[in-house]
Amino acid sequence: MSKIHIGQKIREILDKSHFSVVDFAKSINITRDGAYKIFEKERINTALLQKISDVLEHDFFSYYTSTPQTKENKGNYGYATRDELHQLTYTVQLLVKEIEKLREEIGGVDKKKPLKKRVVKKK
């Protein structure tokens, strides 16, 4: 197994999150300088790593298993990130609006009833 620089991994995930370094530091009860010191660490105690995992909603312990959990190998047992859930929610909302718009264009369709297939007979 290759050596993991956990501080760099934490920084990578933090950069992809909605947290600033200051907000991240506050959420784990350390100073901004303390957060930057974490980013430099190759090793970290498990209690702190668990707290960081909870705050950033990322399983940092998976880097230490023989088969890290990545998007490719999580399969049906993985989990979505907060950003992925927000994006999916936004996409669903757009699709619901589009369906409503299309139903209005069709006219007279009850929004609560599912649309039926129209059969057009050829003459």
C-alpha atoms as a PDB file:
ATOM      1  CA  MET A   1       0.000   0.000   0.000  1.00  0.00           C
ATOM      2  CA  SER A   2       1.375   3.413  -0.897  1.00  0.00           C
ATOM      3  CA  LYS A   3       1.956   6.029   1.779  1.00  0.00           C
ATOM      4  CA  ILE A   4      -0.988   8.347   2.383  1.00  0.00           C
ATOM      5  CA  HIS A   5      -0.455  12.036   3.153  1.00  0.00           C
ATOM      6  CA  ILE A   6      -3.709  12.517   5.031  1.00  0.00           C
ATOM      7  CA  GLY A   7      -3.256  16.276   5.430  1.00  0.00           C
ATOM      8  CA  GLN A   8      -3.154  16.710   1.656  1.00  0.00           C
ATOM      9  CA  LYS A   9      -6.258  14.513   1.281  1.00  0.00           C
ATOM     10  CA  ILE A  10      -8.099  16.618   3.855  1.00  0.00           C
ATOM     11  CA  ARG A  11      -7.119  19.803   2.015  1.00  0.00           C
ATOM     12  CA  GLU A  12      -8.285  18.363  -1.330  1.00  0.00           C
ATOM     13  CA  ILE A  13     -11.698  17.468   0.067  1.00  0.00           C
ATOM     14  CA  LEU A  14     -11.980  20.782   1.918  1.00  0.00           C
ATOM     15  CA  ASP A  15     -11.268  22.662  -1.332  1.00  0.00           C
ATOM     16  CA  LYS A  16     -14.158  20.800  -2.996  1.00  0.00           C
ATOM     17  CA  SER A  17     -16.531  21.566  -0.116  1.00  0.00           C
ATOM     18  CA  HIS A  18     -18.501  24.692   0.754  1.00  0.00           C
ATOM     19  CA  PHE A  19     -16.282  25.348   3.800  1.00  0.00           C
ATOM     20  CA  SER A  20     -13.628  28.035   4.035  1.00  0.00           C
ATOM     21  CA  VAL A  21     -10.510  27.161   6.019  1.00  0.00           C
ATOM     22  CA  VAL A  22     -11.743  29.410   8.849  1.00  0.00           C
ATOM     23  CA  ASP A  23     -15.188  27.770   8.934  1.00  0.00           C
ATOM     24  CA  PHE A  24     -13.607  24.323   8.809  1.00  0.00           C
ATOM     25  CA  ALA A  25     -11.270  25.204  11.694  1.00  0.00           C
ATOM     26  CA  LYS A  26     -14.163  26.518  13.801  1.00  0.00           C
ATOM     27  CA  SER A  27     -16.227  23.408  13.134  1.00  0.00           C
ATOM     28  CA  ILE A  28     -13.491  21.154  14.546  1.00  0.00           C
ATOM     29  CA  ASN A  29     -12.658  23.581  17.393  1.00  0.00           C
ATOM     30  CA  ILE A  30      -9.171  24.629  16.298  1.00  0.00           C
ATOM     31  CA  THR A  31      -7.624  27.841  15.004  1.00  0.00           C
ATOM     32  CA  ARG A  32      -7.055  28.726  11.358  1.00  0.00           C
ATOM     33  CA  ASP A  33      -3.325  28.121  11.897  1.00  0.00           C
ATOM     34  CA  GLY A  34      -4.160  24.752  13.426  1.00  0.00           C
ATOM     35  CA  ALA A  35      -6.056  23.818  10.271  1.00  0.00           C
ATOM     36  CA  TYR A  36      -3.058  24.680   8.101  1.00  0.00           C
ATOM     37  CA  LYS A  37      -0.879  22.518  10.372  1.00  0.00           C
ATOM     38  CA  ILE A  38      -3.281  19.603   9.775  1.00  0.00           C
ATOM     39  CA  PHE A  39      -2.830  20.000   6.012  1.00  0.00           C
ATOM     40  CA  GLU A  40       0.911  19.460   6.497  1.00  0.00           C
ATOM     41  CA  LYS A  41       0.537  16.256   8.539  1.00  0.00           C
ATOM     42  CA  GLU A  42       1.213  12.829   7.085  1.00  0.00           C
ATOM     43  CA  ARG A  43      -0.399  11.210  10.143  1.00  0.00           C
ATOM     44  CA  ILE A  44      -3.269  12.257  12.380  1.00  0.00           C
ATOM     45  CA  ASN A  45      -4.944  10.774  15.444  1.00  0.00           C
ATOM     46  CA  THR A  46      -8.120   8.833  14.794  1.00  0.00           C
ATOM     47  CA  ALA A  47     -10.403  10.932  17.020  1.00  0.00           C
ATOM     48  CA  LEU A  48      -9.508  14.084  15.085  1.00  0.00           C
ATOM     49  CA  LEU A  49      -9.771  12.266  11.770  1.00  0.00           C
ATOM     50  CA  GLN A  50     -13.261  11.053  12.730  1.00  0.00           C
ATOM     51  CA  LYS A  51     -14.310  14.610  13.592  1.00  0.00           C
ATOM     52  CA  ILE A  52     -12.938  15.864  10.261  1.00  0.00           C
ATOM     53  CA  SER A  53     -14.688  13.020   8.419  1.00  0.00           C
ATOM     54  CA  ASP A  54     -17.989  13.979  10.051  1.00  0.00           C
ATOM     55  CA  VAL A  55     -17.618  17.692   9.309  1.00  0.00           C
ATOM     56  CA  LEU A  56     -16.569  17.222   5.668  1.00  0.00           C
ATOM     57  CA  GLU A  57     -18.899  14.241   5.188  1.00  0.00           C
ATOM     58  CA  HIS A  58     -16.065  12.184   3.737  1.00  0.00           C
ATOM     59  CA  ASP A  59     -14.670   8.831   4.866  1.00  0.00           C
ATOM     60  CA  PHE A  60     -10.962   9.550   5.255  1.00  0.00           C
ATOM     61  CA  PHE A  61     -10.452   6.138   6.851  1.00  0.00           C
ATOM     62  CA  SER A  62     -11.155   4.529   3.480  1.00  0.00           C
ATOM     63  CA  TYR A  63      -7.710   5.670   2.284  1.00  0.00           C
ATOM     64  CA  TYR A  64      -6.196   3.217   4.735  1.00  0.00           C
ATOM     65  CA  THR A  65      -8.125   0.136   3.587  1.00  0.00           C
ATOM     66  CA  SER A  66      -6.795  -2.242   0.952  1.00  0.00           C
ATOM     67  CA  THR A  67      -9.545  -1.175  -1.487  1.00  0.00           C
ATOM     68  CA  PRO A  68     -10.385   2.504  -0.993  1.00  0.00           C
ATOM     69  CA  GLN A  69     -14.017   3.415  -1.557  1.00  0.00           C
ATOM     70  CA  THR A  70     -14.110   5.530  -4.673  1.00  0.00           C
ATOM     71  CA  LYS A  71     -17.044   6.479  -6.847  1.00  0.00           C
ATOM     72  CA  GLU A  72     -16.034   3.677  -9.196  1.00  0.00           C
ATOM     73  CA  ASN A  73     -16.131   0.843  -6.650  1.00  0.00           C
ATOM     74  CA  LYS A  74     -18.817   1.960  -4.206  1.00  0.00           C
ATOM     75  CA  GLY A  75     -21.556   0.383  -6.277  1.00  0.00           C
ATOM     76  CA  ASN A  76     -24.966   0.335  -4.648  1.00  0.00           C
ATOM     77  CA  TYR A  77     -23.471   0.791  -1.188  1.00  0.00           C
ATOM     78  CA  GLY A  78     -21.824   4.175  -1.683  1.00  0.00           C
ATOM     79  CA  TYR A  79     -23.142   7.558  -0.702  1.00  0.00           C
ATOM     80  CA  ALA A  80     -23.535  10.876  -2.451  1.00  0.00           C
ATOM     81  CA  THR A  81     -21.769  14.021  -1.359  1.00  0.00           C
ATOM     82  CA  ARG A  82     -23.727  17.065  -0.262  1.00  0.00           C
ATOM     83  CA  ASP A  83     -22.865  18.815  -3.539  1.00  0.00           C
ATOM     84  CA  GLU A  84     -24.065  15.830  -5.573  1.00  0.00           C
ATOM     85  CA  LEU A  85     -27.356  15.792  -3.650  1.00  0.00           C
ATOM     86  CA  HIS A  86     -27.840  19.530  -4.187  1.00  0.00           C
ATOM     87  CA  GLN A  87     -27.164  19.129  -7.909  1.00  0.00           C
ATOM     88  CA  LEU A  88     -29.602  16.227  -8.167  1.00  0.00           C
ATOM     89  CA  THR A  89     -32.268  18.143  -6.256  1.00  0.00           C
ATOM     90  CA  TYR A  90     -31.819  21.120  -8.562  1.00  0.00           C
ATOM     91  CA  THR A  91     -32.058  18.884 -11.638  1.00  0.00           C
ATOM     92  CA  VAL A  92     -35.256  17.262 -10.360  1.00  0.00           C
ATOM     93  CA  GLN A  93     -36.790  20.681  -9.688  1.00  0.00           C
ATOM     94  CA  LEU A  94     -35.987  21.779 -13.239  1.00  0.00           C
ATOM     95  CA  LEU A  95     -37.512  18.600 -14.640  1.00  0.00           C
ATOM     96  CA  VAL A  96     -40.697  19.039 -12.585  1.00  0.00           C
ATOM     97  CA  LYS A  97     -41.048  22.591 -13.933  1.00  0.00           C
ATOM     98  CA  GLU A  98     -40.489  21.336 -17.486  1.00  0.00           C
ATOM     99  CA  ILE A  99     -43.146  18.640 -17.057  1.00  0.00           C
ATOM    100  CA  GLU A 100     -45.618  21.214 -15.728  1.00  0.00           C
ATOM    101  CA  LYS A 101     -44.856  23.473 -18.688  1.00  0.00           C
ATOM    102  CA  LEU A 102     -45.390  20.628 -21.149  1.00  0.00           C
ATOM    103  CA  ARG A 103     -48.659  19.651 -19.477  1.00  0.00           C
ATOM    104  CA  GLU A 104     -49.883  23.239 -19.801  1.00  0.00           C
ATOM    105  CA  GLU A 105     -48.946  23.219 -23.487  1.00  0.00           C
ATOM    106  CA  ILE A 106     -50.924  20.037 -24.011  1.00  0.00           C
ATOM    107  CA  GLY A 107     -53.837  21.706 -22.239  1.00  0.00           C
ATOM    108  CA  GLY A 108     -56.545  20.354 -20.013  1.00  0.00           C
ATOM    109  CA  VAL A 109     -54.403  17.645 -18.476  1.00  0.00           C
ATOM    110  CA  ASP A 110     -55.004  16.935 -14.792  1.00  0.00           C
ATOM    111  CA  LYS A 111     -51.607  17.359 -13.090  1.00  0.00           C
ATOM    112  CA  LYS A 112     -52.341  14.582 -10.612  1.00  0.00           C
ATOM    113  CA  LYS A 113     -53.104  11.937 -13.241  1.00  0.00           C
ATOM    114  CA  PRO A 114     -50.306  10.312 -15.167  1.00  0.00           C
ATOM    115  CA  LEU A 115     -50.244  10.973 -18.885  1.00  0.00           C
ATOM    116  CA  LYS A 116     -51.633   8.180 -21.066  1.00  0.00           C
ATOM    117  CA  LYS A 117     -50.125   7.149 -24.332  1.00  0.00           C
ATOM    118  CA  ARG A 118     -51.971   8.529 -27.308  1.00  0.00           C
ATOM    119  CA  VAL A 119     -52.652   6.074 -30.050  1.00  0.00           C
ATOM    120  CA  VAL A 120     -52.923   7.547 -33.521  1.00  0.00           C
ATOM    121  CA  LYS A 121     -54.626   5.274 -36.037  1.00  0.00           C
ATOM    122  CA  LYS A 122     -53.340   5.364 -39.563  1.00  0.00           C
ATOM    123  CA  LYS A 123     -55.926   5.716 -42.303  1.00  0.00           C
END
